[in-house]
Structure formats: C-alpha cells, structure tokens
Amino acid sequence: MLRITRSKNGKPAVPPMLAIILLSLAHAANAAEVLEVRATAGPEAALEQYMAGGGQAPWATESIEIHAALPKLEKTGRLLAVRHLAPTSESQYEVVQLAGDPTVKEQVIVRYLQAQQRVAEMPAASVAIAPANYKFAYKRAVDDGEHQAYVFQIMPRHKREGLIKGELWLDEHTGLPIRQSGRLVKSPSIFIKRITITQENTVRDGIIESHLTHITIETRLVGRAELVIEERPLGEERPLAEEGPLALADAEFATWNNEGSRR
C-alpha cells in the first residue's frame, strides 16, 4: 500500500501549486459570509444553498484514475488506484494499474497524490470559493441535457496566489456545484506561465457521485503538463477488485515510503 505523508524535513513533499488549486475547489463557502450577488430569486437561492452546504465530506474509500501527459516530451502515464482516507486524514493508495513513462509517474502523478494530502492540511478559508475571497455575478441559466444550472462568474477580490477567475455552475434545485472552471490569477512560480482548471461533478438525487478534473499547467521549461483525474466513491463491495488483484504493480512507483522518499 502506498502512503503519502510528510518529507524528512517535516514539510509536505509537494509543490504548493497543485495543493492550492485543489484546495480552492474542495471547500464551499461559509454561510455566515455576506453575499454580494445580483440575481433573481432562483439563482440567489441556489447560491445560498451552496454557501450553506459547507462542501460534501470526502469519501472514505474511492477509486481514482489519473491520466497525465507532458506533450512536448511525448511522455504519458496512467494510474488506477483505490484511495483510503484514514481518520487522521492520511491518504493510503492501493495501486491496481500503473503504466507509462517514469518521469510522468514521478514528477506529475506522484506529486499530484502528495498534493491531495497537502489539501487536508491547509486552512480552507484563504482560498475557498466564498464571498470573503470572491465577488459573484449571475450570468445565465444553462441546461446540459441532464441538469439545469445557474452560472455565476467568480472574480477574486485580490490578486492572491491560489485564487481563480472563472465560472461556477450550481444545480438549480440543490445548489450543488456541477462545474467549476477558471485560471489562476497569480502564477505560483516564475517557471509557470499559466494554470487552468476545470472540475465537473456528476450529481444524482442530490448527491455528488463523481468528480472529473482537468488541470493544464503551462511551464517555461517543459511546455504543457496535463492531468485528467476521475474520482468515484467505493462501497464495501469494492467493484474494482473484480477487475484484478490489488497490488503495487510498479516497484519504482510503489516504493515511496512514509517520508516521501525511496526505500
């Protein structure tokens, strides 16, 4: 089992860039904040539901599939795993399948997994999609064929690291986020030109059933890095186990120990 924890110096072994991006999508707003939105009763009600929701609790056990690429280097990688969230918020991974280039596995996929752990350790308030950090402007109503949603433009109040400028789509009945997208307003590094992110949620019967996240990072050194991450909850039946035994399929990847280094 792969466990993502801290590095030897006691700090999370992860670039803050990915952690900040993920954190901004992982937390809903605080209902006590004052709303600054001009909208009709329907959109305003959906936004208030979103604010009051506090975000859906993370799944205790989930499947995670990651496709990663460095197109300029023509390198790709893929991971299929089961993630367990322990009571201490420490993530543990059982690798079902791992394939692709070692550089992508170590520098893109592993760093993403470490970023997931960093999310649990960071204060949410500083980058949450909340009125304290954003202005909300109602734009339009949309129908994607499955859901009717209200679209809000989200605009950071400050040009601060970790905030995004983009759109938030809320289900008109539940206020659950169907789609969140945008670009970071401030680059976390001189080596990063631009970061864009889109997360789409599958909502059914008032519950988020899956996340599909696209992250594109435009770098000055290796060009574009791309990540596509799909996450779904797993019950006690563990459906992934039927596809094959859960094993640490790639020794080079699996030997990351508790200190974030190799055994």
C-alpha atoms as a PDB file:
ATOM      1  CA  MET A   1       0.000   0.000   0.000  1.00  0.00           C
ATOM      2  CA  LEU A   2       1.292   3.437  -0.909  1.00  0.00           C
ATOM      3  CA  ARG A   3       1.094   6.078   1.799  1.00  0.00           C
ATOM      4  CA  ILE A   4       1.564   9.765   1.070  1.00  0.00           C
ATOM      5  CA  THR A   5       2.774  11.683   4.093  1.00  0.00           C
ATOM      6  CA  ARG A   6       5.428  14.221   5.027  1.00  0.00           C
ATOM      7  CA  SER A   7       9.000  14.560   3.832  1.00  0.00           C
ATOM      8  CA  LYS A   8      12.003  14.139   6.115  1.00  0.00           C
ATOM      9  CA  ASN A   9      12.204  17.831   6.961  1.00  0.00           C
ATOM     10  CA  GLY A  10       8.666  17.697   8.344  1.00  0.00           C
ATOM     11  CA  LYS A  11       7.086  19.644   5.483  1.00  0.00           C
ATOM     12  CA  PRO A  12       4.739  18.143   2.899  1.00  0.00           C
ATOM     13  CA  ALA A  13       6.770  16.950  -0.089  1.00  0.00           C
ATOM     14  CA  VAL A  14       4.586  18.651  -2.662  1.00  0.00           C
ATOM     15  CA  PRO A  15       4.662  21.818  -4.754  1.00  0.00           C
ATOM     16  CA  PRO A  16       2.163  24.276  -3.239  1.00  0.00           C
ATOM     17  CA  MET A  17       0.845  24.976  -6.742  1.00  0.00           C
ATOM     18  CA  LEU A  18      -1.300  21.840  -7.065  1.00  0.00           C
ATOM     19  CA  ALA A  19      -2.354  21.874  -3.443  1.00  0.00           C
ATOM     20  CA  ILE A  20      -3.651  25.421  -3.721  1.00  0.00           C
ATOM     21  CA  ILE A  21      -5.583  24.630  -6.885  1.00  0.00           C
ATOM     22  CA  LEU A  22      -7.201  21.594  -5.314  1.00  0.00           C
ATOM     23  CA  LEU A  23      -7.992  23.376  -2.091  1.00  0.00           C
ATOM     24  CA  SER A  24      -9.864  26.129  -3.892  1.00  0.00           C
ATOM     25  CA  LEU A  25     -12.211  23.511  -5.358  1.00  0.00           C
ATOM     26  CA  ALA A  26     -12.507  21.308  -2.302  1.00  0.00           C
ATOM     27  CA  HIS A  27     -14.283  23.688   0.027  1.00  0.00           C
ATOM     28  CA  ALA A  28     -17.573  25.511  -0.256  1.00  0.00           C
ATOM     29  CA  ALA A  29     -18.210  28.892   1.268  1.00  0.00           C
ATOM     30  CA  ASN A  30     -19.206  29.837   4.788  1.00  0.00           C
ATOM     31  CA  ALA A  31     -22.910  30.548   5.076  1.00  0.00           C
ATOM     32  CA  ALA A  32     -22.277  33.346   7.560  1.00  0.00           C
ATOM     33  CA  GLU A  33     -20.499  35.459   4.954  1.00  0.00           C
ATOM     34  CA  VAL A  34     -22.411  38.341   3.371  1.00  0.00           C
ATOM     35  CA  LEU A  35     -23.383  37.692  -0.247  1.00  0.00           C
ATOM     36  CA  GLU A  36     -22.706  40.292  -2.912  1.00  0.00           C
ATOM     37  CA  VAL A  37     -24.644  38.957  -5.866  1.00  0.00           C
ATOM     38  CA  ARG A  38     -27.235  40.458  -8.111  1.00  0.00           C
ATOM     39  CA  ALA A  39     -29.575  37.691  -9.201  1.00  0.00           C
ATOM     40  CA  THR A  40     -33.192  36.661  -9.390  1.00  0.00           C
ATOM     41  CA  ALA A  41     -34.734  34.580  -6.601  1.00  0.00           C
ATOM     42  CA  GLY A  42     -33.826  31.253  -8.251  1.00  0.00           C
ATOM     43  CA  PRO A  43     -30.100  31.869  -8.730  1.00  0.00           C
ATOM     44  CA  GLU A  44     -29.765  33.600  -5.381  1.00  0.00           C
ATOM     45  CA  ALA A  45     -31.450  30.685  -3.617  1.00  0.00           C
ATOM     46  CA  ALA A  46     -29.090  28.216  -5.328  1.00  0.00           C
ATOM     47  CA  LEU A  47     -26.082  30.268  -4.282  1.00  0.00           C
ATOM     48  CA  GLU A  48     -27.298  30.423  -0.691  1.00  0.00           C
ATOM     49  CA  GLN A  49     -27.709  26.636  -0.703  1.00  0.00           C
ATOM     50  CA  TYR A  50     -24.151  26.292  -1.973  1.00  0.00           C
ATOM     51  CA  MET A  51     -22.860  28.596   0.757  1.00  0.00           C
ATOM     52  CA  ALA A  52     -24.772  26.743   3.469  1.00  0.00           C
ATOM     53  CA  GLY A  53     -23.706  23.313   2.272  1.00  0.00           C
ATOM     54  CA  GLY A  54     -20.156  23.518   3.581  1.00  0.00           C
ATOM     55  CA  GLY A  55     -18.918  21.148   0.906  1.00  0.00           C
ATOM     56  CA  GLN A  56     -19.519  17.404   0.615  1.00  0.00           C
ATOM     57  CA  ALA A  57     -17.491  15.286   3.014  1.00  0.00           C
ATOM     58  CA  PRO A  58     -14.644  13.365   1.338  1.00  0.00           C
ATOM     59  CA  TRP A  59     -15.341   9.736   0.504  1.00  0.00           C
ATOM     60  CA  ALA A  60     -13.794   7.254   2.932  1.00  0.00           C
ATOM     61  CA  THR A  61     -12.864   4.919   0.068  1.00  0.00           C
ATOM     62  CA  GLU A  62     -12.768   5.878  -3.579  1.00  0.00           C
ATOM     63  CA  SER A  63     -11.395   4.849  -6.925  1.00  0.00           C
ATOM     64  CA  ILE A  64      -9.066   7.317  -8.581  1.00  0.00           C
ATOM     65  CA  GLU A  65      -7.917   7.216 -12.191  1.00  0.00           C
ATOM     66  CA  ILE A  66      -5.260   9.645 -13.383  1.00  0.00           C
ATOM     67  CA  HIS A  67      -4.111  10.276 -16.937  1.00  0.00           C
ATOM     68  CA  ALA A  68      -1.063  12.555 -17.110  1.00  0.00           C
ATOM     69  CA  ALA A  69       0.994  13.854 -20.018  1.00  0.00           C
ATOM     70  CA  LEU A  70       3.935  16.044 -20.978  1.00  0.00           C
ATOM     71  CA  PRO A  71       3.007  16.576 -24.663  1.00  0.00           C
ATOM     72  CA  LYS A  72       6.210  18.415 -25.628  1.00  0.00           C
ATOM     73  CA  LEU A  73       8.287  15.472 -24.394  1.00  0.00           C
ATOM     74  CA  GLU A  74       5.751  12.973 -25.786  1.00  0.00           C
ATOM     75  CA  LYS A  75       5.512  11.273 -22.409  1.00  0.00           C
ATOM     76  CA  THR A  76       2.363   9.926 -20.758  1.00  0.00           C
ATOM     77  CA  GLY A  77       1.353   7.943 -17.703  1.00  0.00           C
ATOM     78  CA  ARG A  78      -1.749   6.409 -16.144  1.00  0.00           C
ATOM     79  CA  LEU A  79      -2.697   5.310 -12.658  1.00  0.00           C
ATOM     80  CA  LEU A  80      -5.731   3.367 -11.421  1.00  0.00           C
ATOM     81  CA  ALA A  81      -5.891   3.015  -7.647  1.00  0.00           C
ATOM     82  CA  VAL A  82      -8.106   2.748  -4.590  1.00  0.00           C
ATOM     83  CA  ARG A  83      -7.672   5.550  -2.083  1.00  0.00           C
ATOM     84  CA  HIS A  84      -8.489   5.160   1.618  1.00  0.00           C
ATOM     85  CA  LEU A  85      -8.902   8.183   3.861  1.00  0.00           C
ATOM     86  CA  ALA A  86      -7.838   7.304   7.393  1.00  0.00           C
ATOM     87  CA  PRO A  87      -9.307   9.051  10.472  1.00  0.00           C
ATOM     88  CA  THR A  88      -6.118  11.131  10.600  1.00  0.00           C
ATOM     89  CA  SER A  89      -6.809  12.370   7.018  1.00  0.00           C
ATOM     90  CA  GLU A  90      -3.768  10.461   5.811  1.00  0.00           C
ATOM     91  CA  SER A  91      -4.377   9.025   2.341  1.00  0.00           C
ATOM     92  CA  GLN A  92      -3.330   5.477   1.518  1.00  0.00           C
ATOM     93  CA  TYR A  93      -3.374   4.075  -2.002  1.00  0.00           C
ATOM     94  CA  GLU A  94      -3.708   0.556  -3.354  1.00  0.00           C
ATOM     95  CA  VAL A  95      -2.418   0.514  -6.904  1.00  0.00           C
ATOM     96  CA  VAL A  96      -4.488  -1.506  -9.358  1.00  0.00           C
ATOM     97  CA  GLN A  97      -2.685  -0.497 -12.526  1.00  0.00           C
ATOM     98  CA  LEU A  98       0.201   1.796 -13.367  1.00  0.00           C
ATOM     99  CA  ALA A  99       1.673   2.391 -16.810  1.00  0.00           C
ATOM    100  CA  GLY A 100       3.671   4.949 -18.723  1.00  0.00           C
ATOM    101  CA  ASP A 101       6.859   6.981 -18.586  1.00  0.00           C
ATOM    102  CA  PRO A 102       8.800   7.112 -15.260  1.00  0.00           C
ATOM    103  CA  THR A 103       9.191  10.898 -15.474  1.00  0.00           C
ATOM    104  CA  VAL A 104       5.439  11.401 -15.722  1.00  0.00           C
ATOM    105  CA  LYS A 105       4.794   8.922 -12.915  1.00  0.00           C
ATOM    106  CA  GLU A 106       7.234  10.537 -10.503  1.00  0.00           C
ATOM    107  CA  GLN A 107       7.049  14.220 -11.427  1.00  0.00           C
ATOM    108  CA  VAL A 108       3.361  14.506 -12.290  1.00  0.00           C
ATOM    109  CA  ILE A 109       1.301  11.653 -10.831  1.00  0.00           C
ATOM    110  CA  VAL A 110       3.115  11.190  -7.515  1.00  0.00           C
ATOM    111  CA  ARG A 111       3.224  14.941  -6.972  1.00  0.00           C
ATOM    112  CA  TYR A 112      -0.495  15.128  -7.554  1.00  0.00           C
ATOM    113  CA  LEU A 113      -1.115  12.427  -4.950  1.00  0.00           C
ATOM    114  CA  GLN A 114       1.053  14.321  -2.496  1.00  0.00           C
ATOM    115  CA  ALA A 115      -0.928  17.461  -3.262  1.00  0.00           C
ATOM    116  CA  GLN A 116      -4.101  15.664  -2.229  1.00  0.00           C
ATOM    117  CA  GLN A 117      -2.586  15.101   1.200  1.00  0.00           C
ATOM    118  CA  ARG A 118      -1.476  18.723   1.379  1.00  0.00           C
ATOM    119  CA  VAL A 119      -5.088  19.798   0.815  1.00  0.00           C
ATOM    120  CA  ALA A 120      -6.167  18.197   4.082  1.00  0.00           C
ATOM    121  CA  GLU A 121      -3.510  20.139   5.992  1.00  0.00           C
ATOM    122  CA  MET A 122      -4.087  23.634   4.644  1.00  0.00           C
ATOM    123  CA  PRO A 123      -6.567  26.194   6.019  1.00  0.00           C
ATOM    124  CA  ALA A 124      -9.538  26.318   3.689  1.00  0.00           C
ATOM    125  CA  ALA A 125     -10.625  29.885   4.330  1.00  0.00           C
ATOM    126  CA  SER A 126      -7.750  31.534   2.472  1.00  0.00           C
ATOM    127  CA  VAL A 127      -8.664  30.152  -0.955  1.00  0.00           C
ATOM    128  CA  ALA A 128     -12.230  28.837  -0.604  1.00  0.00           C
ATOM    129  CA  ILE A 129     -14.766  29.922  -3.205  1.00  0.00           C
ATOM    130  CA  ALA A 130     -16.505  32.191  -0.701  1.00  0.00           C
ATOM    131  CA  PRO A 131     -17.612  35.843  -0.534  1.00  0.00           C
ATOM    132  CA  ALA A 132     -14.586  36.658   1.616  1.00  0.00           C
ATOM    133  CA  ASN A 133     -12.355  35.867  -1.370  1.00  0.00           C
ATOM    134  CA  TYR A 134     -14.653  36.367  -4.370  1.00  0.00           C
ATOM    135  CA  LYS A 135     -17.320  38.529  -5.929  1.00  0.00           C
ATOM    136  CA  PHE A 136     -20.171  36.595  -7.529  1.00  0.00           C
ATOM    137  CA  ALA A 137     -22.088  37.806 -10.580  1.00  0.00           C
ATOM    138  CA  TYR A 138     -25.014  35.855 -12.002  1.00  0.00           C
ATOM    139  CA  LYS A 139     -24.586  35.378 -15.769  1.00  0.00           C
ATOM    140  CA  ARG A 140     -27.153  32.961 -17.203  1.00  0.00           C
ATOM    141  CA  ALA A 141     -29.081  29.705 -16.861  1.00  0.00           C
ATOM    142  CA  VAL A 142     -27.912  26.592 -18.736  1.00  0.00           C
ATOM    143  CA  ASP A 143     -29.291  23.151 -19.498  1.00  0.00           C
ATOM    144  CA  ASP A 144     -26.711  20.446 -20.226  1.00  0.00           C
ATOM    145  CA  GLY A 145     -29.348  17.815 -21.000  1.00  0.00           C
ATOM    146  CA  GLU A 146     -29.213  16.277 -17.532  1.00  0.00           C
ATOM    147  CA  HIS A 147     -29.318  19.251 -15.213  1.00  0.00           C
ATOM    148  CA  GLN A 148     -30.476  22.833 -15.211  1.00  0.00           C
ATOM    149  CA  ALA A 149     -27.899  25.093 -13.638  1.00  0.00           C
ATOM    150  CA  TYR A 150     -27.203  28.711 -12.813  1.00  0.00           C
ATOM    151  CA  VAL A 151     -23.864  30.119 -13.967  1.00  0.00           C
ATOM    152  CA  PHE A 152     -22.004  32.625 -11.820  1.00  0.00           C
ATOM    153  CA  GLN A 153     -18.874  34.492 -12.744  1.00  0.00           C
ATOM    154  CA  ILE A 154     -16.396  34.361  -9.863  1.00  0.00           C
ATOM    155  CA  MET A 155     -13.921  37.225  -9.578  1.00  0.00           C
ATOM    156  CA  PRO A 156     -11.191  37.316  -6.902  1.00  0.00           C
ATOM    157  CA  ARG A 157     -11.246  40.309  -4.590  1.00  0.00           C
ATOM    158  CA  HIS A 158      -7.451  40.307  -4.553  1.00  0.00           C
ATOM    159  CA  LYS A 159      -4.728  39.105  -6.908  1.00  0.00           C
ATOM    160  CA  ARG A 160      -3.530  36.459  -4.482  1.00  0.00           C
ATOM    161  CA  GLU A 161      -1.939  33.089  -5.017  1.00  0.00           C
ATOM    162  CA  GLY A 162      -4.467  30.275  -5.168  1.00  0.00           C
ATOM    163  CA  LEU A 163      -7.466  32.288  -6.395  1.00  0.00           C
ATOM    164  CA  ILE A 164      -9.069  31.679  -9.784  1.00  0.00           C
ATOM    165  CA  LYS A 165     -11.065  33.776 -12.199  1.00  0.00           C
ATOM    166  CA  GLY A 166     -13.761  31.821 -13.957  1.00  0.00           C
ATOM    167  CA  GLU A 167     -17.213  30.302 -13.594  1.00  0.00           C
ATOM    168  CA  LEU A 168     -19.199  28.338 -11.047  1.00  0.00           C
ATOM    169  CA  TRP A 169     -22.226  26.307 -12.183  1.00  0.00           C
ATOM    170  CA  LEU A 170     -24.775  25.431  -9.493  1.00  0.00           C
ATOM    171  CA  ASP A 171     -27.613  22.938  -9.757  1.00  0.00           C
ATOM    172  CA  GLU A 172     -30.830  24.956  -9.675  1.00  0.00           C
ATOM    173  CA  HIS A 173     -32.552  22.580  -7.228  1.00  0.00           C
ATOM    174  CA  THR A 174     -29.800  21.646  -4.770  1.00  0.00           C
ATOM    175  CA  GLY A 175     -27.145  24.344  -5.135  1.00  0.00           C
ATOM    176  CA  LEU A 176     -24.520  21.626  -5.610  1.00  0.00           C
ATOM    177  CA  PRO A 177     -21.577  22.573  -7.862  1.00  0.00           C
ATOM    178  CA  ILE A 178     -21.868  20.932 -11.277  1.00  0.00           C
ATOM    179  CA  ARG A 179     -18.898  22.656 -12.864  1.00  0.00           C
ATOM    180  CA  GLN A 180     -16.096  24.904 -11.637  1.00  0.00           C
ATOM    181  CA  SER A 181     -13.560  26.324 -14.071  1.00  0.00           C
ATOM    182  CA  GLY A 182     -11.054  29.115 -14.459  1.00  0.00           C
ATOM    183  CA  ARG A 183      -7.428  30.176 -14.387  1.00  0.00           C
ATOM    184  CA  LEU A 184      -5.185  31.177 -11.531  1.00  0.00           C
ATOM    185  CA  VAL A 185      -4.914  34.970 -11.329  1.00  0.00           C
ATOM    186  CA  LYS A 186      -1.368  34.778  -9.961  1.00  0.00           C
ATOM    187  CA  SER A 187       1.298  32.319 -11.009  1.00  0.00           C
ATOM    188  CA  PRO A 188       2.872  30.437  -8.085  1.00  0.00           C
ATOM    189  CA  SER A 189       6.284  30.365  -9.802  1.00  0.00           C
ATOM    190  CA  ILE A 190       8.339  32.266 -12.371  1.00  0.00           C
ATOM    191  CA  PHE A 191       8.607  28.947 -14.200  1.00  0.00           C
ATOM    192  CA  ILE A 192       4.810  28.683 -14.572  1.00  0.00           C
ATOM    193  CA  LYS A 193       3.131  30.835 -17.211  1.00  0.00           C
ATOM    194  CA  ARG A 194      -0.486  29.801 -16.744  1.00  0.00           C
ATOM    195  CA  ILE A 195      -2.646  27.280 -14.911  1.00  0.00           C
ATOM    196  CA  THR A 196      -6.220  26.446 -15.889  1.00  0.00           C
ATOM    197  CA  ILE A 197      -8.525  24.001 -14.163  1.00  0.00           C
ATOM    198  CA  THR A 198     -11.989  22.552 -14.756  1.00  0.00           C
ATOM    199  CA  GLN A 199     -13.850  20.240 -12.400  1.00  0.00           C
ATOM    200  CA  GLU A 200     -17.135  18.626 -13.437  1.00  0.00           C
ATOM    201  CA  ASN A 201     -19.278  16.771 -10.914  1.00  0.00           C
ATOM    202  CA  THR A 202     -21.862  14.109 -11.617  1.00  0.00           C
ATOM    203  CA  VAL A 203     -24.881  14.866  -9.434  1.00  0.00           C
ATOM    204  CA  ARG A 204     -27.746  12.419  -8.941  1.00  0.00           C
ATOM    205  CA  ASP A 205     -30.534  12.533  -6.341  1.00  0.00           C
ATOM    206  CA  GLY A 206     -28.865  15.404  -4.531  1.00  0.00           C
ATOM    207  CA  ILE A 207     -25.514  13.635  -4.150  1.00  0.00           C
ATOM    208  CA  ILE A 208     -22.195  14.162  -5.939  1.00  0.00           C
ATOM    209  CA  GLU A 209     -21.355  10.768  -7.425  1.00  0.00           C
ATOM    210  CA  SER A 210     -18.063  11.537  -9.143  1.00  0.00           C
ATOM    211  CA  HIS A 211     -15.500  14.229  -9.903  1.00  0.00           C
ATOM    212  CA  LEU A 212     -13.781  14.732 -13.267  1.00  0.00           C
ATOM    213  CA  THR A 213     -10.946  17.263 -13.090  1.00  0.00           C
ATOM    214  CA  HIS A 214      -8.807  18.672 -15.902  1.00  0.00           C
ATOM    215  CA  ILE A 215      -5.657  20.609 -14.996  1.00  0.00           C
ATOM    216  CA  THR A 216      -3.395  22.266 -17.568  1.00  0.00           C
ATOM    217  CA  ILE A 217      -0.092  23.811 -16.485  1.00  0.00           C
ATOM    218  CA  GLU A 218       1.875  25.882 -18.998  1.00  0.00           C
ATOM    219  CA  THR A 219       5.528  25.779 -17.923  1.00  0.00           C
ATOM    220  CA  ARG A 220       8.560  27.613 -19.288  1.00  0.00           C
ATOM    221  CA  LEU A 221      10.831  24.565 -19.124  1.00  0.00           C
ATOM    222  CA  VAL A 222       8.942  21.505 -20.378  1.00  0.00           C
ATOM    223  CA  GLY A 223       5.935  23.100 -22.046  1.00  0.00           C
ATOM    224  CA  ARG A 224       2.451  21.959 -21.111  1.00  0.00           C
ATOM    225  CA  ALA A 225       1.655  19.438 -18.385  1.00  0.00           C
ATOM    226  CA  GLU A 226      -1.808  17.888 -18.399  1.00  0.00           C
ATOM    227  CA  LEU A 227      -3.744  15.948 -15.781  1.00  0.00           C
ATOM    228  CA  VAL A 228      -7.158  14.312 -16.048  1.00  0.00           C
ATOM    229  CA  ILE A 229      -8.407  12.880 -12.743  1.00  0.00           C
ATOM    230  CA  GLU A 230     -11.600  10.875 -12.228  1.00  0.00           C
ATOM    231  CA  GLU A 231     -12.755  10.055  -8.697  1.00  0.00           C
ATOM    232  CA  ARG A 232     -15.680   7.888  -7.569  1.00  0.00           C
ATOM    233  CA  PRO A 233     -16.743   6.546  -4.151  1.00  0.00           C
ATOM    234  CA  LEU A 234     -16.386   2.827  -3.471  1.00  0.00           C
ATOM    235  CA  GLY A 235     -18.642   0.870  -1.161  1.00  0.00           C
ATOM    236  CA  GLU A 236     -17.908  -2.284   0.753  1.00  0.00           C
ATOM    237  CA  GLU A 237     -18.386  -4.333  -2.407  1.00  0.00           C
ATOM    238  CA  ARG A 238     -15.117  -2.914  -3.805  1.00  0.00           C
ATOM    239  CA  PRO A 239     -16.043  -3.270  -7.535  1.00  0.00           C
ATOM    240  CA  LEU A 240     -12.507  -2.533  -8.702  1.00  0.00           C
ATOM    241  CA  ALA A 241     -11.255  -5.710  -7.052  1.00  0.00           C
ATOM    242  CA  GLU A 242     -13.243  -7.735  -9.564  1.00  0.00           C
ATOM    243  CA  GLU A 243     -11.045  -6.451 -12.366  1.00  0.00           C
ATOM    244  CA  GLY A 244      -7.932  -7.963 -10.854  1.00  0.00           C
ATOM    245  CA  PRO A 245      -5.977  -8.246  -7.604  1.00  0.00           C
ATOM    246  CA  LEU A 246      -4.997  -5.019  -5.906  1.00  0.00           C
ATOM    247  CA  ALA A 247      -1.231  -4.912  -5.950  1.00  0.00           C
ATOM    248  CA  LEU A 248       1.664  -2.487  -6.015  1.00  0.00           C
ATOM    249  CA  ALA A 249       2.065  -3.103  -9.699  1.00  0.00           C
ATOM    250  CA  ASP A 250       5.112  -0.917 -10.302  1.00  0.00           C
ATOM    251  CA  ALA A 251       8.001  -1.162  -7.842  1.00  0.00           C
ATOM    252  CA  GLU A 252       9.560   2.123  -8.926  1.00  0.00           C
ATOM    253  CA  PHE A 253       6.352   3.962  -8.031  1.00  0.00           C
ATOM    254  CA  ALA A 254       5.287   1.882  -5.093  1.00  0.00           C
ATOM    255  CA  THR A 255       8.442   2.231  -3.010  1.00  0.00           C
ATOM    256  CA  TRP A 256       7.640   5.767  -1.889  1.00  0.00           C
ATOM    257  CA  ASN A 257       7.722   5.412   1.878  1.00  0.00           C
ATOM    258  CA  ASN A 258       6.243   7.424   4.683  1.00  0.00           C
ATOM    259  CA  GLU A 259       8.872  10.157   4.342  1.00  0.00           C
ATOM    260  CA  GLY A 260       8.078  10.742   0.667  1.00  0.00           C
ATOM    261  CA  SER A 261      11.432   9.252  -0.426  1.00  0.00           C
ATOM    262  CA  ARG A 262      12.508   5.873  -1.738  1.00  0.00           C
ATOM    263  CA  ARG A 263      13.164   2.902   0.458  1.00  0.00           C
END
